[in-house]
Amino acid sequence: MACARSDPARLDSIARAVQARLRCRTETAAAAPAQRREVDMRRAATMVLVALASVSCNTDPPVERPNHLRQHPDIMRERAREARAAREAMVAGREAETVDPEAVLVTVNGEAIPAKRLTDMIGHLRTRLPKATYLRIEKEATGEIVKDVLISQFLREKRYAPSAEEIEAEIERKRRIYQKSAGKDGVSFEEALRRQRSDIKLLRTNPTAGMRFSCYVRGQLTPDDLKRTFETDRASFDGTQVRASHILFDTRPLSTDEAKRLVRAKAEQIRARALAGEDFARLAAEHSDCASKDKGGDLGFFPRHGRMVEAFAEAAFALKRGEISSVVETVFGYHIIKLTDIKPGEPVSLEDVRAEVVEACAARKARAIYAELRSSAKIEWPAQARQ
């Protein structure tokens, strides 16, 4: 992989994208493409973006120096030396916090996962990012590791190994998803893999747990599964769109479960006020952390797939016109959703939309299997861990 320092233009662009992801006031916060929730691509893309952006990530505003300082090179050199010394002191302090790579990160169903797995993934970012940012990334990466371990254990128990043909089909499926959701910037699928320190050959010889799990799930689908999915969720496939407003309580800046609990309690209080008849648009304007608050929380029309993250879209499409949802959690935080309008789609048959039905059915089955694995798992964290 090319050194990130060799492409400053791309660094600036990626750094802005990563910082924007951490901000709460973005119109796209609730409307991120659902494909980004794809297990492996999402994790890899997140790690690469952060790795590339980290060398230039700086959330401090630029300092405007007085003219008389800009005219004195000696003063400027002294300021530069001071800045370097401060940076070196910060790095030394952060390096001292490095976790023992021989320590256990977490134990999953009796299987001890070494901390080295986490440090190998993101340890190089420890001294390059603000500590709060690094801790958020660390928590997300740890969750992905636990997920991978649970899936790997499940597949071992099933004695399942995908065939070469199944892996090839999965690679092509990922290629299609990438081209549809992220390939419009001119970067090829192969180049995107290279930036993730991977390639097609590696995926063929050493497929990820997520790829193997996807192959397993697709192999379990039956014609009845597809028919049931189509009939019970027809609005997902016939072009139906809904219009909704929401109130977002952004939890991304929060680092503790207690802080999230307090935010959820606030969301429940605001929802109760909306259910009691208070004007939803006014509540959104006063309490939402999304830029849509300026429009009373209105997000406009959107389809079942491809515009909103899955949890949000699923909740919105389950509502009737005028109904208000329960508190919905997504990667952005807690949402209260109000359905305001429905635009019906056109009649379609199962054969017309078979590919989309297969994707939806497989995703639903995968979520159900993983939810059961997670709920029944015995996960033991070290005493010093903070989850």
Protein backbone atom coordinates (compact mmCIF):
# COMPACT_ATOMS: atom_id res chain seq x y z
CA MET A 1 0.00 0.00 0.00
CA ALA A 2 1.39 3.39 -0.91
CA CYS A 3 2.35 5.65 1.95
CA ALA A 4 -0.50 7.98 2.86
CA ARG A 5 1.91 10.90 3.06
CA SER A 6 2.57 10.70 -0.68
CA ASP A 7 -0.91 11.91 -1.65
CA PRO A 8 -1.74 15.11 0.29
CA ALA A 9 -4.70 15.99 -1.91
CA ARG A 10 -6.38 12.69 -1.17
CA LEU A 11 -5.43 12.99 2.50
CA ASP A 12 -7.20 16.31 2.79
CA SER A 13 -10.30 14.89 1.13
CA ILE A 14 -10.36 11.77 3.29
CA ALA A 15 -9.64 13.69 6.47
CA ARG A 16 -12.64 15.91 5.79
CA ALA A 17 -14.77 12.84 5.16
CA VAL A 18 -13.71 11.20 8.42
CA GLN A 19 -14.27 14.37 10.39
CA ALA A 20 -17.68 14.80 8.78
CA ARG A 21 -18.57 11.28 9.87
CA LEU A 22 -17.92 12.32 13.45
CA ARG A 23 -20.02 15.47 13.26
CA CYS A 24 -23.63 15.34 14.26
CA ARG A 25 -25.03 18.12 12.13
CA THR A 26 -25.05 16.49 8.73
CA GLU A 27 -28.05 15.99 6.54
CA THR A 28 -26.72 12.64 5.46
CA ALA A 29 -26.36 11.29 8.98
CA ALA A 30 -29.70 9.54 8.82
CA ALA A 31 -29.49 8.88 5.11
CA ALA A 32 -26.18 7.00 4.73
CA PRO A 33 -26.33 4.27 2.09
CA ALA A 34 -27.51 1.01 3.52
CA GLN A 35 -24.78 -0.84 1.64
CA ARG A 36 -22.22 0.61 4.02
CA ARG A 37 -23.55 -1.70 6.66
CA GLU A 38 -22.21 -4.62 4.66
CA VAL A 39 -20.10 -6.35 7.31
CA ASP A 40 -16.66 -6.71 5.70
CA MET A 41 -16.66 -3.77 3.30
CA ARG A 42 -17.87 -1.45 6.02
CA ARG A 43 -15.18 -2.48 8.49
CA ALA A 44 -12.36 -2.42 5.95
CA ALA A 45 -13.41 0.93 4.48
CA THR A 46 -13.62 2.49 7.95
CA MET A 47 -10.15 1.31 8.90
CA VAL A 48 -8.61 2.47 5.61
CA LEU A 49 -10.22 5.90 5.73
CA VAL A 50 -8.98 6.46 9.24
CA ALA A 51 -5.50 5.09 8.47
CA LEU A 52 -5.09 7.37 5.46
CA ALA A 53 -6.58 10.40 7.17
CA SER A 54 -4.79 9.99 10.47
CA VAL A 55 -1.49 11.56 9.44
CA SER A 56 -3.19 14.86 8.69
CA CYS A 57 -6.27 14.73 10.90
CA ASN A 58 -6.43 17.88 12.98
CA THR A 59 -9.65 19.17 14.47
CA ASP A 60 -8.13 22.44 15.67
CA PRO A 61 -8.98 25.56 13.65
CA PRO A 62 -6.07 27.24 11.85
CA VAL A 63 -4.36 29.95 13.87
CA GLU A 64 -4.12 33.33 12.21
CA ARG A 65 -0.71 34.72 13.12
CA PRO A 66 -0.17 38.50 13.51
CA ASN A 67 1.64 40.11 10.60
CA HIS A 68 4.70 41.04 12.67
CA LEU A 69 5.24 37.39 13.61
CA ARG A 70 4.97 36.22 10.04
CA GLN A 71 7.78 38.62 9.08
CA HIS A 72 10.36 37.26 11.55
CA PRO A 73 11.86 33.88 10.54
CA ASP A 74 13.71 33.47 13.86
CA ILE A 75 10.46 33.73 15.80
CA MET A 76 8.74 31.36 13.41
CA ARG A 77 11.55 28.80 13.74
CA GLU A 78 11.34 29.01 17.52
CA ARG A 79 7.58 28.46 17.39
CA ALA A 80 8.16 25.47 15.11
CA ARG A 81 10.65 23.98 17.59
CA GLU A 82 8.15 24.45 20.40
CA ALA A 83 5.42 22.76 18.37
CA ARG A 84 7.70 19.79 17.60
CA ALA A 85 8.64 19.45 21.26
CA ALA A 86 4.98 19.48 22.29
CA ARG A 87 4.16 16.90 19.65
CA GLU A 88 7.00 14.63 20.76
CA ALA A 89 5.85 14.90 24.39
CA MET A 90 2.29 13.98 23.42
CA VAL A 91 3.45 11.01 21.34
CA ALA A 92 5.67 9.77 24.18
CA GLY A 93 2.76 9.95 26.59
CA ARG A 94 0.40 8.15 24.22
CA GLU A 95 2.97 5.44 23.45
CA ALA A 96 3.29 4.80 27.16
CA GLU A 97 -0.39 3.86 27.16
CA THR A 98 0.11 1.06 24.60
CA VAL A 99 -1.66 -2.15 25.64
CA ASP A 100 0.50 -5.20 26.31
CA PRO A 101 0.20 -7.21 23.06
CA GLU A 102 0.31 -10.44 25.08
CA ALA A 103 -2.74 -9.46 27.10
CA VAL A 104 -6.18 -10.90 26.44
CA LEU A 105 -8.56 -8.51 24.71
CA VAL A 106 -11.71 -10.55 25.33
CA THR A 107 -12.75 -14.14 25.87
CA VAL A 108 -15.58 -15.36 23.62
CA ASN A 109 -17.21 -18.66 24.59
CA GLY A 110 -13.98 -19.72 26.26
CA GLU A 111 -11.75 -18.67 23.36
CA ALA A 112 -9.22 -16.06 24.46
CA ILE A 113 -8.62 -13.35 21.85
CA PRO A 114 -5.20 -11.68 22.23
CA ALA A 115 -4.96 -7.90 22.41
CA LYS A 116 -2.43 -8.14 19.58
CA ARG A 117 -5.31 -8.69 17.17
CA LEU A 118 -6.64 -5.24 17.99
CA THR A 119 -3.24 -3.53 18.01
CA ASP A 120 -2.38 -5.10 14.66
CA MET A 121 -5.58 -3.64 13.25
CA ILE A 122 -5.51 -0.09 14.59
CA GLY A 123 -2.57 0.25 17.00
CA HIS A 124 -0.61 2.41 14.53
CA LEU A 125 -3.30 5.08 14.88
CA ARG A 126 -2.84 5.54 18.64
CA THR A 127 -0.41 8.44 18.35
CA ARG A 128 -1.88 9.89 15.18
CA LEU A 129 -5.44 10.64 16.23
CA PRO A 130 -7.05 12.62 19.03
CA LYS A 131 -7.50 10.26 21.96
CA ALA A 132 -11.31 10.49 21.99
CA THR A 133 -11.41 9.64 18.27
CA TYR A 134 -9.06 6.71 18.74
CA LEU A 135 -11.14 5.33 21.61
CA ARG A 136 -14.29 5.39 19.46
CA ILE A 137 -12.48 3.55 16.67
CA GLU A 138 -11.04 1.09 19.18
CA LYS A 139 -14.49 0.27 20.52
CA GLU A 140 -15.93 -0.24 17.04
CA ALA A 141 -12.98 -2.41 15.98
CA THR A 142 -13.29 -4.52 19.14
CA GLY A 143 -16.96 -5.11 18.39
CA GLU A 144 -16.09 -6.24 14.87
CA ILE A 145 -13.48 -8.65 16.25
CA VAL A 146 -16.05 -10.18 18.60
CA LYS A 147 -18.46 -10.52 15.69
CA ASP A 148 -15.85 -12.24 13.54
CA VAL A 149 -14.99 -14.66 16.34
CA LEU A 150 -18.63 -15.59 16.93
CA ILE A 151 -19.19 -16.16 13.21
CA SER A 152 -16.02 -18.24 12.89
CA GLN A 153 -17.05 -20.38 15.86
CA PHE A 154 -20.49 -20.86 14.33
CA LEU A 155 -19.06 -21.97 10.99
CA ARG A 156 -16.63 -24.37 12.69
CA GLU A 157 -19.49 -25.89 14.62
CA LYS A 158 -21.41 -26.34 11.38
CA ARG A 159 -18.27 -27.80 9.73
CA TYR A 160 -18.93 -25.44 6.86
CA ALA A 161 -16.38 -24.40 4.26
CA PRO A 162 -17.52 -22.64 1.08
CA SER A 163 -16.57 -24.02 -2.31
CA ALA A 164 -14.35 -22.12 -4.72
CA GLU A 165 -17.43 -21.39 -6.82
CA GLU A 166 -19.28 -19.92 -3.83
CA ILE A 167 -16.30 -17.69 -2.95
CA GLU A 168 -16.06 -16.51 -6.55
CA ALA A 169 -19.78 -15.65 -6.53
CA GLU A 170 -19.35 -13.78 -3.25
CA ILE A 171 -16.45 -11.75 -4.65
CA GLU A 172 -18.54 -10.79 -7.66
CA ARG A 173 -21.43 -9.86 -5.39
CA LYS A 174 -19.12 -7.57 -3.42
CA ARG A 175 -17.89 -6.08 -6.67
CA ARG A 176 -21.47 -5.24 -7.71
CA ILE A 177 -22.24 -3.69 -4.32
CA TYR A 178 -19.06 -1.62 -4.46
CA GLN A 179 -19.70 -0.40 -7.98
CA LYS A 180 -23.25 0.57 -7.10
CA SER A 181 -22.49 2.34 -3.83
CA ALA A 182 -18.88 3.52 -3.86
CA GLY A 183 -17.43 3.01 -7.31
CA LYS A 184 -18.69 6.25 -8.83
CA ASP A 185 -15.52 8.14 -7.88
CA GLY A 186 -13.53 6.28 -10.53
CA VAL A 187 -11.68 3.98 -8.14
CA SER A 188 -11.90 0.38 -9.29
CA PHE A 189 -12.86 -2.49 -7.02
CA GLU A 190 -9.32 -3.90 -7.33
CA GLU A 191 -7.78 -0.56 -6.38
CA ALA A 192 -10.10 -0.26 -3.40
CA LEU A 193 -8.97 -3.70 -2.23
CA ARG A 194 -5.33 -2.73 -2.69
CA ARG A 195 -5.86 0.30 -0.46
CA GLN A 196 -7.25 -2.10 2.12
CA ARG A 197 -4.05 -4.18 1.86
CA SER A 198 -5.92 -6.95 0.09
CA ASP A 199 -6.55 -8.25 -3.41
CA ILE A 200 -8.70 -10.73 -5.32
CA LYS A 201 -6.16 -13.52 -4.89
CA LEU A 202 -6.11 -13.08 -1.11
CA LEU A 203 -9.91 -13.12 -0.96
CA ARG A 204 -9.93 -16.36 -2.92
CA THR A 205 -7.31 -18.11 -0.80
CA ASN A 206 -8.19 -16.62 2.58
CA PRO A 207 -11.82 -15.42 2.57
CA THR A 208 -12.95 -13.40 5.57
CA ALA A 209 -15.35 -14.75 8.18
CA GLY A 210 -17.99 -12.40 6.80
CA MET A 211 -17.59 -13.77 3.27
CA ARG A 212 -17.81 -17.37 4.48
CA PHE A 213 -20.86 -16.52 6.59
CA SER A 214 -22.56 -14.88 3.61
CA CYS A 215 -21.95 -18.00 1.51
CA TYR A 216 -23.40 -20.16 4.28
CA VAL A 217 -26.54 -18.05 4.67
CA ARG A 218 -27.23 -17.95 0.94
CA GLY A 219 -26.90 -21.69 0.78
CA GLN A 220 -29.66 -22.01 3.38
CA LEU A 221 -32.26 -19.99 1.48
CA THR A 222 -35.24 -21.92 0.14
CA PRO A 223 -37.89 -20.98 -2.44
CA ASP A 224 -40.37 -20.65 0.43
CA ASP A 225 -38.04 -18.19 2.18
CA LEU A 226 -37.92 -16.02 -0.93
CA LYS A 227 -41.66 -16.19 -1.48
CA ARG A 228 -42.40 -15.30 2.13
CA THR A 229 -39.97 -12.37 2.05
CA PHE A 230 -41.51 -11.03 -1.13
CA GLU A 231 -45.11 -11.34 0.03
CA THR A 232 -44.61 -9.90 3.50
CA ASP A 233 -42.40 -7.04 2.39
CA ARG A 234 -43.69 -6.23 -1.08
CA ALA A 235 -43.23 -2.48 -0.57
CA SER A 236 -39.49 -3.10 -0.42
CA PHE A 237 -39.45 -4.27 -4.03
CA ASP A 238 -42.22 -2.51 -5.94
CA GLY A 239 -40.80 1.01 -5.80
CA THR A 240 -42.90 2.24 -2.89
CA GLN A 241 -41.46 5.32 -1.20
CA VAL A 242 -42.32 6.90 2.11
CA ARG A 243 -41.83 10.38 3.48
CA ALA A 244 -40.74 10.73 7.08
CA SER A 245 -39.53 13.24 9.62
CA HIS A 246 -37.25 12.36 12.49
CA ILE A 247 -35.61 13.65 15.63
CA LEU A 248 -32.01 12.46 16.03
CA PHE A 249 -30.16 12.21 19.33
CA ASP A 250 -26.57 11.75 18.20
CA THR A 251 -24.58 9.32 20.36
CA ARG A 252 -21.40 9.14 18.28
CA PRO A 253 -19.46 11.60 20.45
CA LEU A 254 -20.29 9.60 23.60
CA SER A 255 -17.77 7.19 25.11
CA THR A 256 -19.69 5.52 27.95
CA ASP A 257 -22.81 3.41 28.21
CA GLU A 258 -24.09 5.63 31.00
CA ALA A 259 -23.97 8.68 28.75
CA LYS A 260 -25.89 6.78 26.07
CA ARG A 261 -28.45 5.68 28.65
CA LEU A 262 -29.12 9.28 29.60
CA VAL A 263 -29.54 10.29 25.95
CA ARG A 264 -31.97 7.44 25.36
CA ALA A 265 -33.97 8.51 28.40
CA LYS A 266 -34.21 11.99 26.92
CA ALA A 267 -35.35 10.51 23.59
CA GLU A 268 -38.09 8.58 25.37
CA GLN A 269 -39.26 11.78 27.06
CA ILE A 270 -39.43 13.68 23.78
CA ARG A 271 -41.28 10.77 22.14
CA ALA A 272 -43.84 10.83 24.95
CA ARG A 273 -44.43 14.52 24.30
CA ALA A 274 -44.91 13.85 20.57
CA LEU A 275 -47.38 11.06 21.32
CA ALA A 276 -49.24 13.41 23.65
CA GLY A 277 -49.88 15.75 20.74
CA GLU A 278 -47.04 18.28 20.76
CA ASP A 279 -46.03 19.50 17.33
CA PHE A 280 -43.42 17.09 15.92
CA ALA A 281 -41.76 19.70 13.72
CA ARG A 282 -41.30 22.04 16.67
CA LEU A 283 -39.85 19.24 18.80
CA ALA A 284 -37.43 18.39 15.99
CA ALA A 285 -36.37 22.02 15.65
CA GLU A 286 -35.68 22.22 19.38
CA HIS A 287 -34.09 18.84 20.08
CA SER A 288 -32.81 17.12 16.91
CA ASP A 289 -29.07 16.83 16.22
CA CYS A 290 -29.65 16.44 12.47
CA ALA A 291 -29.49 19.31 9.99
CA SER A 292 -33.04 18.35 8.97
CA LYS A 293 -34.19 20.10 12.17
CA ASP A 294 -34.32 23.30 10.10
CA LYS A 295 -37.13 21.65 8.11
CA GLY A 296 -38.95 20.25 11.11
CA GLY A 297 -37.07 16.97 10.76
CA ASP A 298 -38.39 16.31 7.23
CA LEU A 299 -36.24 13.88 5.21
CA GLY A 300 -38.37 13.82 2.07
CA PHE A 301 -39.30 10.63 0.20
CA PHE A 302 -37.01 7.60 0.20
CA PRO A 303 -37.22 3.94 -0.92
CA ARG A 304 -36.97 0.89 1.30
CA HIS A 305 -33.38 0.13 0.31
CA GLY A 306 -30.36 2.18 -0.66
CA ARG A 307 -30.95 5.52 1.04
CA MET A 308 -31.31 4.99 4.77
CA VAL A 309 -29.46 2.66 7.10
CA GLU A 310 -31.35 -0.60 7.52
CA ALA A 311 -32.69 -0.10 11.04
CA PHE A 312 -34.08 3.32 10.15
CA ALA A 313 -35.67 2.22 6.86
CA GLU A 314 -37.17 -0.89 8.42
CA ALA A 315 -38.80 1.13 11.19
CA ALA A 316 -40.10 3.81 8.82
CA PHE A 317 -41.70 1.34 6.41
CA ALA A 318 -43.41 -0.45 9.29
CA LEU A 319 -45.38 2.69 10.18
CA LYS A 320 -48.74 3.88 8.92
CA ARG A 321 -49.28 7.44 7.79
CA GLY A 322 -49.17 9.75 10.81
CA GLU A 323 -47.72 7.14 13.19
CA ILE A 324 -44.71 7.76 15.41
CA SER A 325 -42.14 5.03 15.94
CA SER A 326 -40.60 3.78 19.14
CA VAL A 327 -37.05 4.96 19.78
CA VAL A 328 -34.90 3.46 17.01
CA GLU A 329 -31.16 2.95 17.42
CA THR A 330 -28.75 3.21 14.49
CA VAL A 331 -25.02 3.83 14.17
CA PHE A 332 -25.80 7.56 14.40
CA GLY A 333 -27.76 7.47 17.64
CA TYR A 334 -31.41 7.35 18.65
CA HIS A 335 -34.22 8.38 16.31
CA ILE A 336 -37.90 9.15 16.72
CA ILE A 337 -39.56 8.73 13.32
CA LYS A 338 -42.89 10.05 12.10
CA LEU A 339 -44.30 8.78 8.81
CA THR A 340 -45.96 11.64 6.95
CA ASP A 341 -46.74 10.28 3.48
CA ILE A 342 -46.63 7.18 1.26
CA LYS A 343 -46.03 7.04 -2.50
CA PRO A 344 -47.23 3.61 -3.76
CA GLY A 345 -45.09 1.60 -6.17
CA GLU A 346 -45.95 -0.40 -9.28
CA PRO A 347 -47.12 -4.05 -9.44
CA VAL A 348 -44.20 -6.51 -9.75
CA SER A 349 -43.76 -10.28 -9.58
CA LEU A 350 -41.19 -12.25 -7.61
CA GLU A 351 -39.31 -13.08 -10.80
CA ASP A 352 -39.10 -9.39 -11.70
CA VAL A 353 -37.16 -8.62 -8.52
CA ARG A 354 -35.63 -11.99 -7.59
CA ALA A 355 -32.10 -10.61 -7.12
CA GLU A 356 -33.30 -7.94 -4.70
CA VAL A 357 -35.42 -10.45 -2.80
CA VAL A 358 -32.43 -12.79 -2.41
CA GLU A 359 -30.34 -9.94 -0.99
CA ALA A 360 -33.05 -8.89 1.46
CA CYS A 361 -33.83 -12.44 2.54
CA ALA A 362 -30.15 -13.30 3.08
CA ALA A 363 -29.54 -10.11 5.06
CA ARG A 364 -32.55 -10.81 7.27
CA LYS A 365 -31.50 -14.40 7.93
CA ALA A 366 -27.91 -13.34 8.67
CA ARG A 367 -29.09 -10.75 11.20
CA ALA A 368 -31.32 -13.32 12.89
CA ILE A 369 -28.52 -15.88 13.16
CA TYR A 370 -26.03 -13.35 14.49
CA ALA A 371 -28.52 -11.92 17.00
CA GLU A 372 -29.01 -15.42 18.40
CA LEU A 373 -25.25 -16.03 18.52
CA ARG A 374 -24.67 -12.74 20.34
CA SER A 375 -27.46 -13.20 22.85
CA SER A 376 -26.32 -16.70 23.83
CA ALA A 377 -22.58 -16.00 23.80
CA LYS A 378 -20.49 -15.91 26.96
CA ILE A 379 -18.30 -12.84 26.52
CA GLU A 380 -15.82 -12.01 29.27
CA TRP A 381 -13.97 -8.73 29.29
CA PRO A 382 -10.82 -8.00 31.31
CA ALA A 383 -11.56 -6.10 34.50
CA GLN A 384 -9.98 -2.91 33.12
CA ALA A 385 -11.97 -2.97 29.89
CA ARG A 386 -14.55 -0.25 29.35
CA GLN A 387 -17.34 -1.26 26.97
